Amino acid sequence: MKVTIRLHEGSIEGVSVLHPETKDVLFRMEHRARHLTNMMLVDTPQGIRPYNITRPELGMCHPVKDYVAVIRENLERHYGIIFQGLVWGKPDHMSQGGKVWFALNNLLVMTPTGEVGIELASRLTRCGRDPITMDYGPVMEFIDYFLPSGKKA
C-alpha cells in the first residue's frame, strides 16, 4: 500500500492509503474535516489530534487498524514522525457520574473541562506517553465545536 501525506506548517493535515496498483484511495484521515462519520484520536508530535476517517467501499477489505499501522510505520521509517492511533469510532456525547463526556463508540474520552477518560489515559501510558502532560488543545477545540452548547457544563 502507498501512503500520501499532506503537511501544513509541519503538522500532518491529511493522510491517505492508496491501492498500490490502481492508486484508488482505500483509507483517508483528515484533521480539519467538519463532516464526521468516524474519527480517530492520534498521538502526534503536536499532541493528541482528532482526525476524521473515511473508508470507501474498496477500503473495507482491511480493518482500520491495518491502515493505521501502515501509516504509522511509513511516517516513522521515512520521516521519524510519531503518528499513533489511540482510539477511534463514531463521535458522541454521554453523561456519566454527573459529567458530560465526549465519547467514541461509547468509550469515554474527555470532558469539556479536560478530564481524560481512563481508557485514553491507559492507551497513552502504553505508548510511553504521560497523559498528564499531553497537549490536548486540538481535542478540546473539537469537543467545544462538537458538543451542543447546553452540554458543555
Protein backbone atom coordinates (compact mmCIF):
# COMPACT_ATOMS: atom_id res chain seq x y z
CA MET A 1 0.00 0.00 0.00
CA LYS A 2 1.17 3.53 -0.74
CA VAL A 3 0.84 6.36 1.80
CA THR A 4 0.45 10.01 0.80
CA ILE A 5 0.79 12.80 3.34
CA ARG A 6 -0.44 16.41 3.30
CA LEU A 7 1.55 18.69 5.61
CA HIS A 8 0.82 22.26 6.67
CA GLU A 9 3.44 24.17 8.66
CA GLY A 10 4.97 20.93 9.92
CA SER A 11 1.67 19.34 11.00
CA ILE A 12 0.04 16.38 9.31
CA GLU A 13 -3.26 17.66 7.92
CA GLY A 14 -4.18 14.59 5.90
CA VAL A 15 -3.03 11.07 5.15
CA SER A 16 -4.31 8.65 2.52
CA VAL A 17 -3.57 5.00 1.91
CA LEU A 18 -3.70 4.11 -1.77
CA HIS A 19 -4.01 0.78 -3.54
CA PRO A 20 -0.50 0.04 -4.88
CA GLU A 21 -1.64 -0.74 -8.44
CA THR A 22 -4.83 1.23 -9.10
CA LYS A 23 -3.95 4.23 -6.85
CA ASP A 24 -7.55 4.18 -5.54
CA VAL A 25 -7.97 5.63 -2.04
CA LEU A 26 -8.55 2.84 0.48
CA PHE A 27 -8.43 4.90 3.67
CA ARG A 28 -8.22 8.63 4.43
CA MET A 29 -7.62 10.70 7.57
CA GLU A 30 -8.25 14.48 7.62
CA HIS A 31 -7.50 16.78 10.55
CA ARG A 32 -9.72 19.73 9.61
CA ALA A 33 -12.77 17.87 8.34
CA ARG A 34 -16.11 19.03 9.73
CA HIS A 35 -18.27 16.23 8.31
CA LEU A 36 -17.84 13.39 10.76
CA THR A 37 -18.93 9.82 10.50
CA ASN A 38 -15.98 8.27 12.31
CA MET A 39 -12.92 9.78 13.87
CA MET A 40 -9.66 8.80 15.48
CA LEU A 41 -7.57 10.47 18.16
CA VAL A 42 -3.91 10.27 17.18
CA ASP A 43 -0.76 10.85 19.21
CA THR A 44 1.43 13.18 17.09
CA PRO A 45 4.46 15.39 17.80
CA GLN A 46 1.97 18.27 18.19
CA GLY A 47 -0.02 16.39 20.85
CA ILE A 48 -3.29 14.49 20.59
CA ARG A 49 -5.15 15.47 17.41
CA PRO A 50 -8.58 14.44 16.13
CA TYR A 51 -8.81 13.10 12.56
CA ASN A 52 -11.90 12.31 10.53
CA ILE A 53 -11.53 8.88 8.96
CA THR A 54 -13.21 7.62 5.82
CA ARG A 55 -13.01 4.30 4.09
CA PRO A 56 -14.64 3.87 0.69
CA GLU A 57 -16.20 0.53 -0.27
CA LEU A 58 -12.91 -0.62 -1.79
CA GLY A 59 -11.14 0.01 1.53
CA MET A 60 -13.47 -2.24 3.51
CA CYS A 61 -11.22 -5.21 2.66
CA HIS A 62 -8.91 -4.40 5.60
CA PRO A 63 -9.62 -3.39 9.21
CA VAL A 64 -8.94 0.22 10.26
CA LYS A 65 -6.06 -0.91 12.49
CA ASP A 66 -4.22 -2.30 9.44
CA TYR A 67 -4.35 1.06 7.63
CA VAL A 68 -3.26 2.91 10.76
CA ALA A 69 -0.33 0.51 11.17
CA VAL A 70 0.76 1.14 7.55
CA ILE A 71 0.57 4.92 8.12
CA ARG A 72 2.42 4.73 11.46
CA GLU A 73 5.21 2.58 10.06
CA ASN A 74 5.60 4.74 6.94
CA LEU A 75 5.80 8.02 8.86
CA GLU A 76 8.17 6.61 11.45
CA ARG A 77 10.50 4.95 8.92
CA HIS A 78 10.65 7.75 6.33
CA TYR A 79 10.17 10.88 8.43
CA GLY A 80 10.81 9.93 12.07
CA ILE A 81 7.31 11.19 12.93
CA ILE A 82 5.18 9.74 15.74
CA PHE A 83 1.67 9.01 14.49
CA GLN A 84 0.00 6.51 16.81
CA GLY A 85 -3.74 5.88 16.57
CA LEU A 86 -5.21 5.72 20.08
CA VAL A 87 -8.99 5.38 19.91
CA TRP A 88 -11.47 5.57 17.06
CA GLY A 89 -15.19 5.37 16.50
CA LYS A 90 -18.35 7.37 15.98
CA PRO A 91 -18.27 10.63 17.96
CA ASP A 92 -20.97 11.10 20.57
CA HIS A 93 -21.58 12.63 23.98
CA MET A 94 -22.81 10.92 27.13
CA SER A 95 -23.46 11.68 30.76
CA GLN A 96 -21.83 9.64 33.50
CA GLY A 97 -21.10 10.45 37.11
CA GLY A 98 -22.81 13.83 36.76
CA LYS A 99 -20.39 14.85 33.97
CA VAL A 100 -20.79 15.26 30.23
CA TRP A 101 -18.23 13.27 28.26
CA PHE A 102 -17.11 13.32 24.65
CA ALA A 103 -17.15 9.66 23.58
CA LEU A 104 -16.11 7.45 20.68
CA ASN A 105 -18.25 4.30 20.36
CA ASN A 106 -19.35 4.63 24.00
CA LEU A 107 -15.73 4.94 25.19
CA LEU A 108 -15.48 7.96 27.49
CA VAL A 109 -12.68 10.08 26.05
CA MET A 110 -12.69 13.52 27.68
CA THR A 111 -14.90 16.05 29.42
CA PRO A 112 -15.22 19.64 28.19
CA THR A 113 -13.15 20.67 31.22
CA GLY A 114 -10.22 18.47 30.11
CA GLU A 115 -10.63 15.41 32.33
CA VAL A 116 -9.19 12.45 30.40
CA GLY A 117 -11.03 9.13 30.36
CA ILE A 118 -9.40 6.08 31.93
CA GLU A 119 -9.06 4.13 28.67
CA LEU A 120 -7.45 7.03 26.74
CA ALA A 121 -5.02 7.61 29.64
CA SER A 122 -4.21 3.89 29.68
CA ARG A 123 -3.52 3.80 25.94
CA LEU A 124 -1.26 6.85 26.18
CA THR A 125 0.68 5.21 29.01
CA ARG A 126 1.10 2.02 26.93
CA CYS A 127 2.57 4.21 24.16
CA GLY A 128 5.10 5.61 26.63
CA ARG A 129 3.38 9.00 26.94
CA ASP A 130 2.37 10.82 30.11
CA PRO A 131 -1.38 11.54 29.96
CA ILE A 132 -0.98 14.39 32.45
CA THR A 133 1.50 16.41 30.37
CA MET A 134 -0.01 15.78 26.90
CA ASP A 135 -1.27 18.69 24.79
CA TYR A 136 -5.00 18.13 24.30
CA GLY A 137 -5.63 21.57 22.75
CA PRO A 138 -6.89 20.32 19.36
CA VAL A 139 -9.15 17.75 21.07
CA MET A 140 -10.55 20.42 23.38
CA GLU A 141 -11.26 22.66 20.36
CA PHE A 142 -13.06 19.79 18.68
CA ILE A 143 -15.10 19.00 21.80
CA ASP A 144 -16.10 22.65 22.04
CA TYR A 145 -17.23 22.54 18.39
CA PHE A 146 -18.90 19.13 18.67
CA LEU A 147 -20.86 19.25 21.91
CA PRO A 148 -24.21 21.05 21.88
CA SER A 149 -23.92 24.34 23.78
CA GLY A 150 -26.18 23.11 26.60
CA LYS A 151 -23.94 20.07 27.19
CA LYS A 152 -20.64 21.82 27.85
CA ALA A 153 -21.01 22.37 31.57
